[in-house]
Amino acid sequence: MQHLHDDALTLLALGEEATDEERAHLEACPRCSADLGSFRRVVSAARLAGTANEDDDASTAGATDGTGQLFTLQAPDSAVWESIHRELNLDEELRPDPLSAPASSQPSPVASLDAARRRRRRTGPWLAAAAAAVVVAAAGTWGALGALDSNPEPVAIASVELSPLASYSDTGRAVVDELPDGKRELVVTSSSDAAQGYREVWLLAPDATSMVSLGTMEGTEGHFVLPQDLDLSKYPVVDISDEPYDGDPAHSGDSILRGQLDL
């Protein structure tokens, strides 16, 4: 699956309306949807930093986190923007620090984001500058962003629609999430929990010559933490089997749903 470019996600997070193609992709792709959510949290932090306590000194702004506790957002030193400008090789007209107090009545370079939006998806320095300016405006430190997002969401890194095998009509879906602590979790859902015996979830090699059991699935949704040393590229096929109560730990050969992750 071809994911949306960071430039496109940046403009969507800044408020540009998604095209029909982008909207359809975001609805079908958990990874891009999660990335867009992260971008939007950065934008929200930037806007909060720019509007809070406007009567206070221009270098600081008060804000509250999700618990209502007050913390302070500080504008970064101008050297931060100078480093961004030099690293991205931006145009000379963008050299002034967009967060510093304006020296004249001329508009800040950040205002040229409107022009960037009208140009629709032109990749290059303008988009990079827009993204960099938003991140810098979010307080200049990732510590402040952590206070705004103390409970980060899992990030989907792979997914697949599960298809029924012969004699079955169930539908299902499998998503691999990367948890905030770095662990990976497979979330499997199915339209039914019916089975002659019990349902077991497996990861199979593409040729099904080797497999790993993740455990039994009760109900229509199961969560399975993956072993840290498990190479998903070697076991990309998600399989739900119907297992008899015979004490044999091997796969019964009777699969209900199956699909290969889009790694």
Protein backbone atom coordinates (compact mmCIF):
# COMPACT_ATOMS: atom_id res chain seq x y z
CA MET A 1 0.00 0.00 0.00
CA GLN A 2 1.33 3.45 -0.98
CA HIS A 3 1.04 5.68 2.11
CA LEU A 4 0.40 9.43 2.08
CA HIS A 5 3.54 11.59 2.02
CA ASP A 6 4.42 13.58 5.15
CA ASP A 7 4.01 16.80 3.14
CA ALA A 8 0.39 15.90 2.39
CA LEU A 9 -0.30 14.95 6.00
CA THR A 10 1.24 18.23 7.17
CA LEU A 11 -1.13 20.33 5.03
CA LEU A 12 -4.14 18.25 6.09
CA ALA A 13 -3.17 18.76 9.74
CA LEU A 14 -2.92 22.51 9.08
CA GLY A 15 -6.52 22.54 7.86
CA GLU A 16 -6.43 21.92 4.12
CA GLU A 17 -9.42 19.90 2.93
CA ALA A 18 -8.59 16.35 1.87
CA THR A 19 -9.20 15.20 -1.68
CA ASP A 20 -11.58 12.30 -2.30
CA GLU A 21 -8.59 10.03 -2.90
CA GLU A 22 -6.90 11.11 0.32
CA ARG A 23 -10.10 10.73 2.31
CA ALA A 24 -10.64 7.21 1.00
CA HIS A 25 -7.04 6.27 1.81
CA LEU A 26 -7.28 7.62 5.37
CA GLU A 27 -10.47 5.62 5.98
CA ALA A 28 -8.76 2.40 4.85
CA CYS A 29 -5.24 2.93 6.25
CA PRO A 30 -4.82 2.87 10.05
CA ARG A 31 -1.18 3.91 9.79
CA CYS A 32 -1.80 7.14 7.85
CA SER A 33 -4.85 7.91 9.99
CA ALA A 34 -2.73 7.56 13.14
CA ASP A 35 0.06 9.70 11.64
CA LEU A 36 -2.45 12.42 10.75
CA GLY A 37 -3.72 12.36 14.32
CA SER A 38 -0.17 12.88 15.60
CA PHE A 39 0.38 15.79 13.17
CA ARG A 40 -2.88 17.39 14.29
CA ARG A 41 -1.84 17.17 17.95
CA VAL A 42 1.33 19.09 17.08
CA VAL A 43 -0.71 21.74 15.25
CA SER A 44 -3.11 22.02 18.21
CA ALA A 45 -0.15 22.53 20.52
CA ALA A 46 1.22 25.25 18.24
CA ARG A 47 -2.08 27.07 18.08
CA LEU A 48 -2.50 26.79 21.83
CA ALA A 49 0.95 28.27 22.32
CA GLY A 50 0.14 31.15 20.00
CA THR A 51 -3.24 32.11 21.53
CA ALA A 52 -2.83 31.49 25.26
CA ASN A 53 -2.27 34.49 27.52
CA GLU A 54 -1.86 37.04 24.72
CA ASP A 55 -1.41 39.84 27.28
CA ASP A 56 1.67 38.14 28.77
CA ASP A 57 5.26 38.62 27.63
CA ALA A 58 5.70 37.56 23.99
CA SER A 59 8.28 34.90 24.90
CA THR A 60 5.98 32.84 27.18
CA ALA A 61 2.43 31.51 27.09
CA GLY A 62 0.34 29.70 29.75
CA ALA A 63 -1.57 26.57 28.86
CA THR A 64 -3.11 23.60 30.60
CA ASP A 65 -2.71 19.92 29.93
CA GLY A 66 -5.50 17.34 29.87
CA THR A 67 -5.68 17.33 33.71
CA GLY A 68 -6.07 21.10 33.99
CA GLN A 69 -2.57 21.62 35.42
CA LEU A 70 -0.86 24.82 34.30
CA PHE A 71 2.43 24.65 32.47
CA THR A 72 4.48 27.21 30.54
CA LEU A 73 5.27 27.18 26.84
CA GLN A 74 8.41 29.10 25.92
CA ALA A 75 9.37 30.37 22.52
CA PRO A 76 12.69 28.86 21.39
CA ASP A 77 15.80 30.90 20.80
CA SER A 78 16.19 32.37 17.29
CA ALA A 79 19.14 30.02 16.79
CA VAL A 80 16.64 27.16 16.51
CA TRP A 81 15.05 28.70 13.40
CA GLU A 82 18.48 29.57 12.01
CA SER A 83 19.45 25.88 12.24
CA ILE A 84 16.20 24.83 10.54
CA HIS A 85 16.69 27.42 7.80
CA ARG A 86 20.27 26.28 7.18
CA GLU A 87 19.47 22.53 7.33
CA LEU A 88 16.55 22.79 4.88
CA ASN A 89 18.36 25.26 2.59
CA LEU A 90 15.35 27.58 2.57
CA ASP A 91 14.93 30.76 0.53
CA GLU A 92 16.55 33.93 1.87
CA GLU A 93 13.12 35.53 2.35
CA LEU A 94 12.40 32.93 5.04
CA ARG A 95 15.48 33.76 7.11
CA PRO A 96 13.67 35.91 9.76
CA ASP A 97 12.55 33.92 12.81
CA PRO A 98 8.74 33.42 12.38
CA LEU A 99 8.28 33.41 16.18
CA SER A 100 10.19 36.60 16.92
CA ALA A 101 8.44 39.93 17.36
CA PRO A 102 7.98 41.59 13.92
CA ALA A 103 10.42 44.42 13.27
CA SER A 104 8.03 46.18 10.88
CA SER A 105 4.50 46.02 9.54
CA GLN A 106 5.53 43.36 7.02
CA PRO A 107 3.71 40.02 7.57
CA SER A 108 5.56 37.10 9.09
CA PRO A 109 6.87 34.40 6.71
CA VAL A 110 4.45 31.98 8.40
CA ALA A 111 1.60 33.81 6.67
CA SER A 112 2.81 32.42 3.37
CA LEU A 113 1.28 29.09 4.41
CA ASP A 114 -1.93 30.31 2.77
CA ALA A 115 -0.10 30.63 -0.51
CA ALA A 116 1.41 27.20 -0.02
CA ARG A 117 -2.05 25.74 0.46
CA ARG A 118 -3.31 27.38 -2.72
CA ARG A 119 -0.43 25.86 -4.67
CA ARG A 120 -1.73 22.40 -3.67
CA ARG A 121 0.87 19.89 -2.68
CA ARG A 122 4.03 21.44 -4.16
CA THR A 123 6.78 19.55 -2.42
CA GLY A 124 9.96 21.35 -1.43
CA PRO A 125 11.19 24.03 1.01
CA TRP A 126 7.78 25.68 1.58
CA LEU A 127 6.20 22.53 2.95
CA ALA A 128 9.26 21.69 5.01
CA ALA A 129 9.29 25.22 6.40
CA ALA A 130 5.60 25.04 7.27
CA ALA A 131 6.06 21.78 9.16
CA ALA A 132 9.17 23.07 10.93
CA ALA A 133 7.46 26.30 11.94
CA VAL A 134 4.50 24.42 13.42
CA VAL A 135 6.78 22.16 15.45
CA VAL A 136 8.82 25.11 16.72
CA ALA A 137 5.63 27.00 17.61
CA ALA A 138 4.53 24.07 19.72
CA ALA A 139 6.99 25.39 22.35
CA GLY A 140 10.41 24.50 21.12
CA THR A 141 10.58 21.47 23.40
CA TRP A 142 9.05 18.01 23.07
CA GLY A 143 8.61 18.02 26.83
CA ALA A 144 5.70 20.44 26.49
CA LEU A 145 4.12 18.25 23.83
CA GLY A 146 4.43 15.27 26.14
CA ALA A 147 2.31 17.14 28.69
CA LEU A 148 -0.38 17.69 26.07
CA ASP A 149 -0.34 14.04 25.00
CA SER A 150 0.38 12.05 28.15
CA ASN A 151 -1.47 9.02 26.81
CA PRO A 152 -0.14 8.39 23.28
CA GLU A 153 -2.18 6.10 21.08
CA PRO A 154 -0.86 2.85 19.56
CA VAL A 155 0.42 3.25 16.00
CA ALA A 156 -0.83 0.80 13.38
CA ILE A 157 2.12 -0.59 11.41
CA ALA A 158 0.37 -3.30 9.35
CA SER A 159 -3.15 -4.53 8.66
CA VAL A 160 -5.16 -6.94 6.50
CA GLU A 161 -8.77 -7.83 5.79
CA LEU A 162 -9.27 -11.51 6.64
CA SER A 163 -11.08 -13.66 4.08
CA PRO A 164 -13.11 -16.80 4.82
CA LEU A 165 -11.88 -20.17 3.64
CA ALA A 166 -14.03 -22.87 2.05
CA SER A 167 -17.31 -23.65 3.87
CA TYR A 168 -17.05 -20.48 6.00
CA SER A 169 -18.66 -17.06 5.54
CA ASP A 170 -17.11 -15.04 8.37
CA THR A 171 -15.33 -11.75 7.75
CA GLY A 172 -12.56 -10.26 9.84
CA ARG A 173 -9.62 -7.91 10.16
CA ALA A 174 -6.15 -8.01 11.72
CA VAL A 175 -4.06 -4.98 12.73
CA VAL A 176 -0.53 -4.90 14.17
CA ASP A 177 -0.14 -1.97 16.58
CA GLU A 178 3.11 -0.62 17.98
CA LEU A 179 2.39 0.25 21.62
CA PRO A 180 3.88 3.29 23.41
CA ASP A 181 6.32 0.99 25.26
CA GLY A 182 7.66 -0.39 21.96
CA LYS A 183 5.88 -3.74 22.10
CA ARG A 184 3.80 -4.98 19.17
CA GLU A 185 0.23 -6.20 19.54
CA LEU A 186 -1.91 -8.08 17.03
CA VAL A 187 -5.59 -7.15 17.25
CA VAL A 188 -7.90 -9.62 15.48
CA THR A 189 -11.64 -9.16 14.96
CA SER A 190 -14.17 -11.46 13.32
CA SER A 191 -17.87 -11.26 12.54
CA SER A 192 -18.60 -14.46 14.46
CA ASP A 193 -17.14 -16.61 17.22
CA ALA A 194 -18.79 -19.84 16.06
CA ALA A 195 -16.59 -22.96 15.92
CA GLN A 196 -16.93 -26.73 16.27
CA GLY A 197 -14.19 -26.61 18.91
CA TYR A 198 -12.32 -23.42 19.84
CA ARG A 199 -10.68 -20.68 17.79
CA GLU A 200 -6.90 -20.29 17.75
CA VAL A 201 -4.89 -17.45 16.19
CA TRP A 202 -1.69 -18.19 14.26
CA LEU A 203 1.00 -16.43 12.26
CA LEU A 204 2.06 -18.48 9.23
CA ALA A 205 4.90 -18.40 6.76
CA PRO A 206 3.65 -17.56 3.23
CA ASP A 207 3.97 -21.23 2.20
CA ALA A 208 2.43 -22.43 5.50
CA THR A 209 5.40 -24.72 6.17
CA SER A 210 6.01 -23.09 9.56
CA MET A 211 3.76 -21.24 11.98
CA VAL A 212 3.52 -19.64 15.41
CA SER A 213 0.53 -19.99 17.72
CA LEU A 214 -0.48 -16.75 19.48
CA GLY A 215 -3.25 -18.23 21.61
CA THR A 216 -6.98 -18.85 21.69
CA MET A 217 -9.58 -16.28 20.70
CA GLU A 218 -12.70 -15.92 22.81
CA GLY A 219 -15.52 -13.83 21.41
CA THR A 220 -15.17 -11.74 18.28
CA GLU A 221 -12.01 -9.80 19.24
CA GLY A 222 -8.59 -10.90 20.45
CA HIS A 223 -5.44 -9.02 21.52
CA PHE A 224 -2.08 -10.79 21.32
CA VAL A 225 1.31 -9.29 22.28
CA LEU A 226 3.91 -10.50 19.76
CA PRO A 227 7.24 -11.99 20.88
CA GLN A 228 9.99 -9.35 20.61
CA ASP A 229 12.20 -11.58 18.46
CA LEU A 230 9.39 -12.55 16.05
CA ASP A 231 10.18 -11.48 12.47
CA LEU A 232 6.83 -10.58 10.92
CA SER A 233 8.33 -10.67 7.43
CA LYS A 234 8.81 -14.42 7.91
CA TYR A 235 5.33 -14.94 9.37
CA PRO A 236 3.08 -12.38 7.65
CA VAL A 237 -0.07 -14.53 7.31
CA VAL A 238 -2.74 -14.22 10.01
CA ASP A 239 -4.85 -17.36 10.40
CA ILE A 240 -7.80 -18.26 12.65
CA SER A 241 -8.37 -21.99 12.94
CA ASP A 242 -11.10 -24.22 14.36
CA GLU A 243 -9.36 -26.55 16.82
CA PRO A 244 -10.91 -29.71 18.30
CA TYR A 245 -10.57 -30.53 22.00
CA ASP A 246 -8.15 -33.38 21.33
CA GLY A 247 -5.06 -32.22 23.25
CA ASP A 248 -3.02 -31.90 20.03
CA PRO A 249 -1.24 -28.48 19.94
CA ALA A 250 -0.65 -28.67 16.16
CA HIS A 251 -2.80 -26.76 13.66
CA SER A 252 -5.95 -28.73 12.86
CA GLY A 253 -5.77 -27.86 9.17
CA ASP A 254 -9.25 -26.32 9.41
CA SER A 255 -8.88 -22.57 8.89
CA ILE A 256 -11.80 -20.16 9.23
CA LEU A 257 -10.19 -16.84 8.25
CA ARG A 258 -6.87 -15.92 6.69
CA GLY A 259 -5.03 -12.92 5.25
CA GLN A 260 -1.47 -11.62 4.66
CA LEU A 261 -0.35 -8.43 6.42
CA ASP A 262 0.70 -5.47 4.23
CA LEU A 263 4.19 -5.11 5.67
